[in-house]
C-alpha cells in the first residue's frame, strides 16, 4: 500500500527541498554550435556598434549647411573630392563646398556631417549638383548608436537564438560560455513493454513513455540517455538504475510503482547506495503512484506506466527541476480563459488535472472540452489535448459554461486560432 498520500503542493515543496537545483556546469562552444543553448554569463560589448559613423544610404557625404537652399528646380553645386568604399578608411577630408561619393555602410569622412541620397543629385566627373537640402546627421548612423562599449548586450540565462548569436558575433565573440545540458537517464519497466521497431508479441505494448519523456527532456534543456526496457526483476532494475545514477544527473523511470507484487522499482531503489524515498503517492489524478527518491544526492522520479499520467506528472513536477539544472529561467506556463464545454468532475480528495481540447465558438469565446477517456493509459488523452484544467482537492466539479483557466501544453497548438482574440496570461 502507499504511504499517506501527500498533496500536490507538498510534493513540489519536497522536490525543491531535497533536489539540488544549481546548473550542472559550464562549457565554451563556438557560435556555430551555441544555438538554443543557455548563456552562462553576462556579455558586455567590447566595442561600440557601429564602431564608426556610417552612411545608411548610397549618395554623397558633405556638410549639411552647404545644401541649404537646394531645391528641385535650383540645385547647389559642390566639388567632388573622392569616394569612400565599404571596408576602407576615407582618405578625403570634406571642406566647405566639397562632397565625396559614399556607399551604404561606409565610414563618414572627416568634415562631413550628412549624406544626401544619390537620387537627389546629378554628378559629372568632378562636380555634384544637389537638388534636396539635408539636415545635420541625416542618413548617418552614429558610432555606438546601436550598442555602447561596456553595455551588457545579453544576460546570463538567455536562450541563444538566431538574434542572440548574431549579437555575440557583432561584438567580436567567436565563442559563448553556456550551461551544460543535464543528462537525464530514462528507462521503462515491465514484461509487457517492447521497444518500437521490434515485432509486437501478443499481450505486449510498445514503449511509449521512454520516447515521449525523452522529447520532453529535450524540450526543457536536458539531454536524454535511454537505458531501454527493463523487466520486472528487482536485481535487473537495481543494476540499470545504478548505471543511470552513475552516469547522469537525474533518473526517470516509468512503470513498476503501483501496489502490485511486480511493482519492484521502489524496492530496487532502496537497495542502492545512500537512498531515501522522499514520497510515494501523491493526491492527484492522474499520477497518484508517482514516487520521488534521492539516491547519493541525485533525484529519481518514478512515474506511473500510463502514458498520460507519466507525461503530465513530468510536466508538473520534473520539468521545473530539469530546467533549473540546465540553467534555464523557469518556462512560463501560457494560459487562456475559456468556458467549460461539459461538466468536469474531480477525484474525491485529489487535485485533478482534466485534459481539454479547445474550440472557438464565437469571435472571442473559447470552449474547453474534456478529452479524458477514463483511462490514463490512453495516449490519445494527451495527443488530442491542447492543455489542462486544474480542479482543487476541495472542489467536486466544474459546471458547464463555468469560466476556467486552461494551461497550454505548447504554444504551437494556437496556429489554428486567431491570437488577437485571445487573452493570454503567464504564470
Protein backbone atom coordinates (compact mmCIF):
# COMPACT_ATOMS: atom_id res chain seq x y z
CA UNK A 1 0.00 0.00 0.00
CA UNK A 2 1.03 3.63 -0.47
CA UNK A 3 2.08 5.66 2.48
CA UNK A 4 -0.19 8.60 3.28
CA UNK A 5 -0.79 10.40 0.02
CA UNK A 6 0.82 13.82 0.15
CA UNK A 7 -0.75 16.84 -1.52
CA UNK A 8 0.44 18.21 -4.82
CA UNK A 9 1.84 21.32 -3.11
CA UNK A 10 3.68 19.15 -0.57
CA UNK A 11 5.21 17.14 -3.43
CA UNK A 12 6.54 20.28 -5.09
CA UNK A 13 7.93 21.58 -1.80
CA UNK A 14 9.71 18.28 -1.05
CA UNK A 15 11.29 18.17 -4.52
CA UNK A 16 12.53 21.74 -4.03
CA UNK A 17 13.88 20.87 -0.58
CA UNK A 18 15.70 17.63 -1.42
CA UNK A 19 16.91 18.09 -5.00
CA UNK A 20 19.97 20.17 -5.87
CA UNK A 21 18.91 22.73 -8.44
CA UNK A 22 22.12 24.56 -9.39
CA UNK A 23 23.19 24.27 -13.05
CA UNK A 24 25.34 21.18 -13.58
CA UNK A 25 28.26 23.00 -15.20
CA UNK A 26 29.56 25.31 -17.93
CA UNK A 27 31.24 24.72 -21.29
CA UNK A 28 32.53 27.01 -24.04
CA UNK A 29 31.20 26.46 -27.56
CA UNK A 30 31.76 28.08 -30.92
CA UNK A 31 28.88 30.30 -32.00
CA UNK A 32 28.08 27.78 -34.74
CA UNK A 33 27.29 25.21 -32.03
CA UNK A 34 25.68 27.55 -29.50
CA UNK A 35 22.17 27.72 -30.98
CA UNK A 36 19.42 27.12 -28.38
CA UNK A 37 21.95 26.79 -25.56
CA UNK A 38 21.68 28.78 -22.32
CA UNK A 39 24.19 31.59 -21.81
CA UNK A 40 26.16 31.18 -18.58
CA UNK A 41 27.44 34.76 -18.18
CA UNK A 42 26.54 38.37 -18.81
CA UNK A 43 28.16 39.58 -22.03
CA UNK A 44 29.33 43.22 -22.20
CA UNK A 45 30.07 44.78 -25.58
CA UNK A 46 33.80 45.06 -26.24
CA UNK A 47 33.29 47.87 -28.76
CA UNK A 48 30.76 50.37 -29.99
CA UNK A 49 28.29 49.20 -32.65
CA UNK A 50 28.63 50.58 -35.20
CA UNK A 51 32.32 51.17 -34.44
CA UNK A 52 32.33 54.35 -36.58
CA UNK A 53 29.88 56.86 -38.03
CA UNK A 54 28.47 55.14 -41.15
CA UNK A 55 26.27 56.02 -44.07
CA UNK A 56 22.81 54.46 -44.21
CA UNK A 57 22.33 55.20 -47.94
CA UNK A 58 24.21 55.40 -51.22
CA UNK A 59 24.96 59.05 -52.00
CA UNK A 60 27.41 61.80 -51.18
CA UNK A 61 28.96 62.76 -47.83
CA UNK A 62 29.04 66.52 -47.36
CA UNK A 63 28.44 69.39 -44.96
CA UNK A 64 24.72 69.86 -44.35
CA UNK A 65 24.99 73.66 -44.41
CA UNK A 66 26.30 73.51 -47.99
CA UNK A 67 22.94 72.09 -49.16
CA UNK A 68 20.74 74.76 -47.61
CA UNK A 69 18.72 76.43 -50.34
CA UNK A 70 18.87 73.44 -52.68
CA UNK A 71 15.55 72.81 -54.43
CA UNK A 72 14.25 70.51 -57.14
CA UNK A 73 14.48 73.26 -59.78
CA UNK A 74 17.53 75.03 -58.37
CA UNK A 75 20.44 72.83 -57.36
CA UNK A 76 23.50 73.60 -55.29
CA UNK A 77 26.85 72.81 -56.90
CA UNK A 78 29.70 71.14 -54.94
CA UNK A 79 33.15 69.83 -55.84
CA UNK A 80 33.63 66.02 -55.75
CA UNK A 81 36.91 65.28 -53.93
CA UNK A 82 36.89 61.49 -53.73
CA UNK A 83 34.92 58.35 -52.96
CA UNK A 84 34.50 56.14 -49.87
CA UNK A 85 34.01 52.37 -50.17
CA UNK A 86 32.90 49.83 -47.56
CA UNK A 87 35.75 48.36 -45.53
CA UNK A 88 38.28 51.16 -46.02
CA UNK A 89 39.18 54.32 -44.17
CA UNK A 90 38.22 57.51 -46.04
CA UNK A 91 41.20 59.48 -47.34
CA UNK A 92 39.27 62.62 -48.23
CA UNK A 93 38.63 65.42 -45.74
CA UNK A 94 35.48 67.35 -46.60
CA UNK A 95 35.80 71.11 -46.55
CA UNK A 96 33.26 73.82 -47.36
CA UNK A 97 31.77 73.31 -50.82
CA UNK A 98 33.02 69.73 -51.17
CA UNK A 99 31.50 66.24 -51.25
CA UNK A 100 32.67 62.62 -51.51
CA UNK A 101 30.80 59.73 -53.10
CA UNK A 102 29.83 57.12 -50.47
CA UNK A 103 28.04 53.75 -50.35
CA UNK A 104 25.78 52.28 -47.68
CA UNK A 105 27.78 51.11 -44.67
CA UNK A 106 30.94 53.06 -45.47
CA UNK A 107 32.60 55.32 -42.85
CA UNK A 108 31.79 59.02 -42.92
CA UNK A 109 34.86 61.06 -43.95
CA UNK A 110 36.20 63.77 -41.67
CA UNK A 111 34.48 67.13 -42.10
CA UNK A 112 31.20 65.66 -43.38
CA UNK A 113 28.11 65.73 -41.17
CA UNK A 114 25.36 64.47 -43.51
CA UNK A 115 24.74 62.30 -46.57
CA UNK A 116 22.50 63.26 -49.46
CA UNK A 117 20.84 60.37 -51.29
CA UNK A 118 22.08 59.53 -54.77
CA UNK A 119 18.64 60.06 -56.33
CA UNK A 120 18.63 63.69 -55.15
CA UNK A 121 21.79 64.54 -57.09
CA UNK A 122 23.39 64.74 -60.51
CA UNK A 123 27.12 64.27 -60.95
CA UNK A 124 29.77 64.79 -63.57
CA UNK A 125 33.40 63.74 -63.15
CA UNK A 126 34.29 66.45 -60.64
CA UNK A 127 31.06 68.35 -59.95
CA UNK A 128 27.96 67.44 -57.94
CA UNK A 129 24.58 69.14 -58.16
CA UNK A 130 22.35 68.68 -55.10
CA UNK A 131 18.57 69.14 -55.52
CA UNK A 132 17.43 68.49 -51.92
CA UNK A 133 18.69 70.00 -48.69
CA UNK A 134 19.69 67.67 -45.85
CA UNK A 135 19.87 68.24 -42.11
CA UNK A 136 22.90 67.65 -39.94
CA UNK A 137 23.41 63.89 -39.25
CA UNK A 138 20.79 62.96 -41.86
CA UNK A 139 21.38 59.47 -43.30
CA UNK A 140 24.18 58.83 -40.82
CA UNK A 141 24.21 56.12 -38.14
CA UNK A 142 26.43 57.48 -35.38
CA UNK A 143 29.11 55.44 -33.63
CA UNK A 144 27.61 53.47 -30.72
CA UNK A 145 24.02 54.23 -31.73
CA UNK A 146 23.13 50.52 -31.67
CA UNK A 147 25.35 49.28 -28.83
CA UNK A 148 27.66 51.20 -26.49
CA UNK A 149 31.01 49.73 -25.45
CA UNK A 150 30.62 48.14 -22.00
CA UNK A 151 26.85 47.79 -22.33
CA UNK A 152 25.53 44.34 -21.34
CA UNK A 153 24.08 43.02 -24.58
CA UNK A 154 22.95 39.63 -23.25
CA UNK A 155 22.31 38.48 -19.71
CA UNK A 156 23.16 35.11 -18.21
CA UNK A 157 20.40 32.51 -18.72
CA UNK A 158 19.41 33.99 -22.08
CA UNK A 159 18.45 31.39 -24.67
CA UNK A 160 20.74 31.73 -27.69
CA UNK A 161 18.50 32.01 -30.73
CA UNK A 162 19.49 33.40 -34.14
CA UNK A 163 19.29 37.03 -32.97
CA UNK A 164 21.32 36.42 -29.83
CA UNK A 165 24.02 34.51 -31.71
CA UNK A 166 24.15 37.39 -34.18
CA UNK A 167 24.63 39.90 -31.35
CA UNK A 168 27.58 37.92 -30.00
CA UNK A 169 29.16 37.87 -33.44
CA UNK A 170 28.55 41.62 -33.80
CA UNK A 171 30.77 42.37 -30.79
CA UNK A 172 33.50 40.02 -31.98
CA UNK A 173 32.72 36.95 -29.91
CA UNK A 174 33.64 33.67 -31.63
CA UNK A 175 32.56 31.52 -28.67
CA UNK A 176 29.98 31.54 -25.90
CA UNK A 177 30.06 30.15 -22.37
CA UNK A 178 26.90 28.10 -21.92
CA UNK A 179 25.47 25.82 -19.28
CA UNK A 180 25.97 22.11 -19.75
CA UNK A 181 22.84 20.17 -20.55
CA UNK A 182 21.87 17.97 -17.60
CA UNK A 183 21.90 14.32 -18.60
CA UNK A 184 18.68 12.51 -17.76
CA UNK A 185 18.60 8.72 -17.63
CA UNK A 186 15.33 7.20 -18.83
CA UNK A 187 14.15 3.61 -18.51
CA UNK A 188 10.85 1.81 -18.87
CA UNK A 189 9.86 -1.26 -16.89
CA UNK A 190 7.54 -4.18 -17.43
CA UNK A 191 7.45 -7.60 -19.05
CA UNK A 192 4.68 -6.33 -21.32
CA UNK A 193 6.73 -3.46 -22.80
CA UNK A 194 8.54 -3.79 -26.15
CA UNK A 195 10.84 -1.26 -27.81
CA UNK A 196 9.44 0.30 -31.01
CA UNK A 197 10.81 -1.16 -34.22
CA UNK A 198 10.59 -4.75 -32.99
CA UNK A 199 7.77 -7.23 -33.70
CA UNK A 200 4.97 -6.92 -31.15
CA UNK A 201 4.17 -10.27 -29.49
CA UNK A 202 0.61 -10.97 -28.28
CA UNK A 203 -0.19 -9.26 -25.00
CA UNK A 204 2.62 -6.72 -25.36
CA UNK A 205 2.60 -2.95 -25.90
CA UNK A 206 5.19 -0.64 -27.39
CA UNK A 207 7.27 1.58 -25.12
CA UNK A 208 5.62 4.99 -25.33
CA UNK A 209 6.92 6.63 -22.18
CA UNK A 210 10.66 6.49 -22.81
CA UNK A 211 10.25 8.31 -26.10
CA UNK A 212 7.70 10.89 -25.00
CA UNK A 213 9.75 11.62 -21.87
CA UNK A 214 12.94 11.90 -23.95
CA UNK A 215 11.28 14.53 -26.12
CA UNK A 216 10.02 16.36 -23.02
CA UNK A 217 13.54 16.34 -21.52
CA UNK A 218 14.96 17.89 -24.69
CA UNK A 219 12.21 20.49 -24.68
CA UNK A 220 13.25 21.78 -21.27
CA UNK A 221 17.00 21.80 -21.93
CA UNK A 222 18.18 18.33 -20.90
CA UNK A 223 19.96 15.52 -22.71
CA UNK A 224 18.09 12.19 -22.52
CA UNK A 225 20.07 8.97 -22.10
CA UNK A 226 18.00 5.89 -22.90
CA UNK A 227 18.59 2.75 -20.83
CA UNK A 228 15.99 0.62 -22.56
CA UNK A 229 13.17 -1.57 -21.30
CA UNK A 230 13.95 -3.40 -18.06
CA UNK A 231 11.93 -6.46 -16.99
CA UNK A 232 10.10 -6.60 -13.66
CA UNK A 233 13.14 -8.05 -11.95
CA UNK A 234 14.40 -6.35 -8.83
CA UNK A 235 18.08 -7.18 -9.40
CA UNK A 236 17.98 -6.09 -13.05
CA UNK A 237 16.20 -2.87 -12.11
CA UNK A 238 18.75 -2.16 -9.40
CA UNK A 239 21.63 -2.69 -11.83
CA UNK A 240 20.14 -0.42 -14.52
CA UNK A 241 19.14 2.36 -12.11
CA UNK A 242 22.65 2.25 -10.58
CA UNK A 243 24.13 2.66 -14.05
CA UNK A 244 21.91 5.66 -14.73
CA UNK A 245 22.75 7.24 -11.38
CA UNK A 246 26.46 6.82 -12.07
CA UNK A 247 26.34 8.47 -15.49
CA UNK A 248 23.53 11.03 -15.39
CA UNK A 249 22.22 13.89 -13.26
CA UNK A 250 18.56 12.82 -13.00
CA UNK A 251 16.88 9.45 -13.49
CA UNK A 252 13.34 8.90 -14.76
CA UNK A 253 11.63 5.53 -14.58
CA UNK A 254 8.14 4.62 -15.73
CA UNK A 255 6.04 1.71 -14.53
CA UNK A 256 6.51 -0.54 -11.53
CA UNK A 257 5.45 1.96 -8.85
CA UNK A 258 1.90 0.86 -8.02
CA UNK A 259 0.98 -1.68 -5.33
CA UNK A 260 1.23 -4.93 -7.29
CA UNK A 261 3.71 -7.73 -6.50
CA UNK A 262 5.68 -6.96 -9.67
CA UNK A 263 5.98 -3.25 -8.94
CA UNK A 264 9.63 -3.52 -7.92
CA UNK A 265 11.06 -0.06 -8.66
CA UNK A 266 10.86 1.36 -5.10
CA UNK A 267 12.37 -1.84 -3.64
CA UNK A 268 15.22 -1.71 -6.15
CA UNK A 269 15.93 1.93 -5.36
CA UNK A 270 16.11 1.25 -1.62
CA UNK A 271 18.98 -1.19 -2.21
CA UNK A 272 21.17 1.38 -3.97
CA UNK A 273 23.78 3.45 -2.15
CA UNK A 274 22.55 6.10 0.22
CA UNK A 275 18.93 6.15 -0.85
CA UNK A 276 15.81 7.76 0.52
CA UNK A 277 12.28 7.56 -0.85
CA UNK A 278 11.03 11.07 -0.14
CA UNK A 279 7.42 10.34 -1.02
CA UNK A 280 5.44 7.56 -2.65
CA UNK A 281 1.97 8.52 -3.79
CA UNK A 282 0.51 11.97 -4.43
CA UNK A 283 -3.12 13.00 -4.05
CA UNK A 284 -3.57 13.84 -7.72
CA UNK A 285 -5.39 12.42 -10.71
CA UNK A 286 -3.83 11.25 -12.94
CA UNK A 287 -0.43 10.33 -11.48
CA UNK A 288 -1.26 9.09 -7.99
CA UNK A 289 1.53 6.41 -7.82
CA UNK A 290 4.34 8.92 -8.51
CA UNK A 291 7.39 8.23 -6.34
CA UNK A 292 10.30 10.61 -5.75
CA UNK A 293 13.62 9.45 -4.33
CA UNK A 294 17.09 10.82 -3.76
CA UNK A 295 19.98 8.37 -4.18
CA UNK A 296 23.53 9.51 -3.41
CA UNK A 297 22.32 13.09 -3.80
CA UNK A 298 20.71 12.54 -7.21
CA UNK A 299 16.95 12.78 -7.87
CA UNK A 300 14.94 9.84 -9.19
CA UNK A 301 11.40 10.35 -10.48
CA UNK A 302 9.41 7.11 -10.79
CA UNK A 303 6.32 7.72 -12.89
CA UNK A 304 3.27 5.51 -13.39
CA UNK A 305 3.35 3.41 -16.53
CA UNK A 306 0.26 5.02 -18.02
CA UNK A 307 1.42 7.48 -20.71
CA UNK A 308 -0.90 10.36 -19.86
CA UNK A 309 -0.04 10.10 -16.15
CA UNK A 310 3.70 9.92 -16.78
CA UNK A 311 3.88 12.86 -19.17
CA UNK A 312 1.58 15.10 -17.16
CA UNK A 313 3.49 14.43 -13.93
CA UNK A 314 6.75 15.14 -15.73
CA UNK A 315 5.33 18.45 -16.93
CA UNK A 316 4.13 19.42 -13.46
CA UNK A 317 6.91 18.14 -11.18
CA UNK A 318 10.08 17.05 -13.00
CA UNK A 319 10.29 19.70 -15.69
CA UNK A 320 10.96 22.64 -13.30
CA UNK A 321 13.93 20.83 -11.74
CA UNK A 322 15.49 19.86 -15.09
CA UNK A 323 15.09 23.45 -16.30
CA UNK A 324 16.99 24.69 -13.25
CA UNK A 325 19.78 22.16 -13.76
CA UNK A 326 20.02 23.35 -17.37
CA UNK A 327 20.38 26.97 -16.24
CA UNK A 328 17.06 27.95 -17.75
CA UNK A 329 14.80 30.57 -16.30
CA UNK A 330 11.61 28.72 -15.42
CA UNK A 331 9.49 28.24 -18.53
CA UNK A 332 6.28 30.15 -18.14
CA UNK A 333 3.01 28.31 -18.48
CA UNK A 334 0.88 30.00 -21.11
CA UNK A 335 -2.77 30.21 -20.12
CA UNK A 336 -6.06 31.17 -21.72
CA UNK A 337 -9.50 31.78 -20.33
CA UNK A 338 -12.28 29.55 -21.65
CA UNK A 339 -15.71 28.18 -20.73
CA UNK A 340 -16.30 24.56 -19.75
CA UNK A 341 -17.99 22.68 -22.57
CA UNK A 342 -19.08 19.87 -20.25
CA UNK A 343 -19.18 19.15 -16.55
CA UNK A 344 -15.70 18.20 -15.29
CA UNK A 345 -15.53 16.02 -12.17
CA UNK A 346 -12.69 15.78 -9.69
CA UNK A 347 -11.48 12.69 -7.86
CA UNK A 348 -12.53 12.96 -4.22
CA UNK A 349 -9.73 14.41 -2.10
CA UNK A 350 -7.29 14.64 -5.02
CA UNK A 351 -6.20 17.56 -7.15
CA UNK A 352 -7.45 16.67 -10.60
CA UNK A 353 -5.97 17.70 -13.92
CA UNK A 354 -8.53 17.39 -16.71
CA UNK A 355 -7.06 17.41 -20.21
CA UNK A 356 -9.08 19.53 -22.61
CA UNK A 357 -9.36 20.40 -26.28
CA UNK A 358 -10.19 23.99 -27.19
CA UNK A 359 -12.61 25.16 -29.83
CA UNK A 360 -13.63 28.66 -30.79
CA UNK A 361 -17.40 29.13 -30.97
CA UNK A 362 -17.62 32.89 -31.21
CA UNK A 363 -15.18 35.62 -32.11
CA UNK A 364 -13.90 35.97 -28.55
CA UNK A 365 -15.24 32.85 -26.84
CA UNK A 366 -13.30 29.64 -26.32
CA UNK A 367 -14.83 26.39 -25.09
CA UNK A 368 -12.77 23.76 -23.25
CA UNK A 369 -13.99 20.23 -23.99
CA UNK A 370 -12.70 17.38 -21.78
CA UNK A 371 -10.83 14.68 -23.72
CA UNK A 372 -10.48 12.30 -20.80
CA UNK A 373 -11.18 8.74 -21.88
CA UNK A 374 -11.39 7.43 -18.34
CA UNK A 375 -8.10 5.63 -18.84
CA UNK A 376 -4.84 7.41 -18.07
CA UNK A 377 -3.12 4.77 -20.15
CA UNK A 378 -4.64 6.20 -23.33
CA UNK A 379 -2.02 8.17 -25.25
CA UNK A 380 -4.81 9.92 -27.16
CA UNK A 381 -5.71 11.66 -23.90
CA UNK A 382 -2.70 13.91 -24.46
CA UNK A 383 -2.35 13.77 -28.24
CA UNK A 384 -5.81 15.31 -28.66
CA UNK A 385 -5.43 17.83 -25.84
CA UNK A 386 -4.40 21.48 -26.05
CA UNK A 387 -3.91 21.80 -22.30
CA UNK A 388 -5.43 21.02 -18.94
CA UNK A 389 -7.80 22.46 -16.36
CA UNK A 390 -6.90 22.12 -12.70
CA UNK A 391 -9.61 21.28 -10.14
CA UNK A 392 -8.61 21.78 -6.47
CA UNK A 393 -8.89 18.98 -3.92
CA UNK A 394 -11.87 20.59 -2.18
CA UNK A 395 -13.97 21.14 -5.32
CA UNK A 396 -16.29 18.42 -6.62
CA UNK A 397 -16.74 19.56 -10.19
CA UNK A 398 -16.67 22.41 -12.69
CA UNK A 399 -20.06 23.00 -14.27
CA UNK A 400 -20.96 23.58 -17.91
CA UNK A 401 -20.30 27.18 -19.04
CA UNK A 402 -18.26 27.90 -15.92
CA UNK A 403 -15.21 30.06 -16.66
CA UNK A 404 -11.96 28.06 -16.47
CA UNK A 405 -8.24 28.67 -16.88
CA UNK A 406 -6.58 26.35 -19.40
CA UNK A 407 -2.83 25.77 -19.06
CA UNK A 408 -1.49 25.10 -22.55
CA UNK A 409 0.88 22.25 -23.29
CA UNK A 410 2.54 24.17 -26.16
CA UNK A 411 2.09 27.46 -27.98
CA UNK A 412 2.08 25.79 -31.39
CA UNK A 413 -1.41 24.45 -30.70
CA UNK A 414 -2.58 28.02 -31.34
CA UNK A 415 -1.73 28.14 -35.02
CA UNK A 416 -5.35 27.36 -35.78
CA UNK A 417 -6.75 30.21 -33.68
CA UNK A 418 -6.75 33.98 -34.16
CA UNK A 419 -4.31 35.08 -31.46
CA UNK A 420 -5.60 38.65 -31.33
CA UNK A 421 -8.93 37.38 -30.00
CA UNK A 422 -7.41 35.52 -27.06
CA UNK A 423 -6.47 36.79 -23.65
CA UNK A 424 -3.19 35.25 -22.53
CA UNK A 425 -1.67 35.28 -19.10
CA UNK A 426 1.57 33.78 -17.85
CA UNK A 427 2.38 32.01 -14.62
